[in-house]
C-alpha cells in the first residue's frame, strides 16, 4: 500500500480551510512546482510561519509554511530550498496560533529576518 499524509490547505477569503490527502513524493528527488503544497502548517499550537513565493519556469505560487520545529523563520525557508528544484523567495513571516479544538487560526507578528 502507498502511505498518505494529510496536508492542510487554507484558502483565505474563499471559505473554510480544506484538508486533502496526498501521496508523499519520493525523498530522493526534489519537489517540482506542482508537488510543493500551498499550505503546510502544524496541527495545533503556537509556532512561526513564513510566506514564500516559489518559481519554476513560467509558473509560480505562494506557499505558506508554519512549523513548530523552526527556532528561526529561516529554518523553514532553508528546508523548502533544500527540498525543491524551484527558486524560493521569502515574502515575510510571523507567528500562528492554531487551535484545532476551537477551529481557530490567529496570524500575527512579524519576522525580523524577512
Protein backbone atom coordinates (compact mmCIF):
# COMPACT_ATOMS: atom_id res chain seq x y z
CA UNK A 1 0.00 0.00 0.00
CA UNK A 2 1.04 3.59 -0.58
CA UNK A 3 1.39 5.76 2.51
CA UNK A 4 -0.57 9.03 2.51
CA UNK A 5 -0.13 12.18 4.53
CA UNK A 6 -2.62 14.88 5.42
CA UNK A 7 -1.88 18.38 4.20
CA UNK A 8 -3.92 21.35 5.41
CA UNK A 9 -4.83 23.83 2.70
CA UNK A 10 -6.08 27.26 3.78
CA UNK A 11 -7.75 29.45 1.18
CA UNK A 12 -8.10 32.87 2.77
CA UNK A 13 -11.22 34.72 1.70
CA UNK A 14 -12.81 31.72 -0.01
CA UNK A 15 -14.47 29.92 2.87
CA UNK A 16 -13.39 27.18 5.24
CA UNK A 17 -9.93 25.59 5.18
CA UNK A 18 -9.87 22.30 3.28
CA UNK A 19 -7.99 19.11 4.02
CA UNK A 20 -6.66 16.93 1.22
CA UNK A 21 -4.87 13.60 1.11
CA UNK A 22 -1.71 13.44 -0.92
CA UNK A 23 0.81 10.70 -1.59
CA UNK A 24 4.20 11.98 -0.42
CA UNK A 25 6.88 12.24 -3.12
CA UNK A 26 9.98 10.09 -3.05
CA UNK A 27 12.55 11.63 -0.73
CA UNK A 28 15.41 11.09 -3.15
CA UNK A 29 14.10 13.64 -5.65
CA UNK A 30 13.46 17.36 -5.33
CA UNK A 31 9.88 18.60 -5.47
CA UNK A 32 8.70 20.42 -8.58
CA UNK A 33 6.36 23.42 -8.50
CA UNK A 34 3.15 21.37 -8.62
CA UNK A 35 4.38 18.98 -5.89
CA UNK A 36 5.00 21.66 -3.23
CA UNK A 37 1.88 22.05 -1.05
CA UNK A 38 0.36 25.55 -0.98
CA UNK A 39 -0.04 25.41 2.78
CA UNK A 40 1.75 23.19 5.30
CA UNK A 41 1.14 24.16 8.91
CA UNK A 42 1.33 22.04 12.04
CA UNK A 43 -1.95 20.82 13.51
CA UNK A 44 -2.01 22.65 16.83
CA UNK A 45 -0.03 25.19 18.85
CA UNK A 46 1.86 28.46 18.53
CA UNK A 47 4.70 28.50 16.03
CA UNK A 48 6.47 30.59 13.42
CA UNK A 49 5.31 30.85 9.81
CA UNK A 50 6.72 32.13 6.52
CA UNK A 51 5.07 33.04 3.24
CA UNK A 52 7.31 32.18 0.28
CA UNK A 53 6.99 32.66 -3.46
CA UNK A 54 8.34 29.72 -5.44
CA UNK A 55 9.02 29.86 -9.18
CA UNK A 56 9.84 27.27 -11.80
CA UNK A 57 9.96 28.19 -15.48
CA UNK A 58 6.96 30.42 -16.24
CA UNK A 59 4.99 29.18 -13.21
CA UNK A 60 4.87 30.47 -9.67
CA UNK A 61 2.82 30.11 -6.49
CA UNK A 62 2.72 31.27 -2.90
CA UNK A 63 3.49 28.75 -0.18
CA UNK A 64 2.60 29.14 3.49
CA UNK A 65 4.68 27.15 5.98
CA UNK A 66 4.08 27.06 9.74
CA UNK A 67 6.20 24.63 11.75
CA UNK A 68 6.86 24.11 15.45
CA UNK A 69 10.38 22.76 14.77
CA UNK A 70 11.59 26.15 13.50
CA UNK A 71 13.60 28.10 16.03
CA UNK A 72 14.05 30.79 13.35
CA UNK A 73 11.92 31.67 10.33
CA UNK A 74 14.89 30.89 8.11
CA UNK A 75 14.85 27.24 9.28
CA UNK A 76 11.64 26.72 7.27
CA UNK A 77 12.94 28.67 4.28
CA UNK A 78 16.16 26.61 4.15
CA UNK A 79 14.20 23.35 4.41
CA UNK A 80 11.98 24.46 1.50
CA UNK A 81 15.03 25.46 -0.58
CA UNK A 82 16.68 22.08 0.01
CA UNK A 83 13.51 20.13 -0.82
CA UNK A 84 12.55 21.75 -4.13
CA UNK A 85 14.03 22.41 -7.55
CA UNK A 86 12.21 25.79 -7.63
CA UNK A 87 13.64 29.19 -6.83
CA UNK A 88 12.40 30.37 -3.42
CA UNK A 89 11.90 33.92 -2.14
CA UNK A 90 10.57 34.57 1.35
CA UNK A 91 7.96 37.36 1.36
CA UNK A 92 7.65 37.62 5.16
CA UNK A 93 6.63 35.80 8.28
CA UNK A 94 5.31 35.96 11.81
CA UNK A 95 3.53 33.65 14.23
CA UNK A 96 0.48 31.40 14.01
CA UNK A 97 -1.68 30.27 16.92
CA UNK A 98 -3.72 27.31 15.71
CA UNK A 99 -6.33 25.74 17.97
CA UNK A 100 -7.85 22.69 16.31
CA UNK A 101 -10.43 22.15 19.08
CA UNK A 102 -11.84 25.68 18.73
CA UNK A 103 -11.21 25.70 14.96
CA UNK A 104 -9.35 29.00 15.18
CA UNK A 105 -6.25 30.29 13.45
CA UNK A 106 -4.65 33.56 14.58
CA UNK A 107 -1.90 35.06 12.44
CA UNK A 108 0.17 37.88 13.96
CA UNK A 109 3.60 39.40 14.44
CA UNK A 110 6.48 39.72 12.02
CA UNK A 111 9.85 38.27 11.12
CA UNK A 112 12.90 40.40 11.79
CA UNK A 113 14.90 38.49 9.18
CA UNK A 114 12.24 38.72 6.45
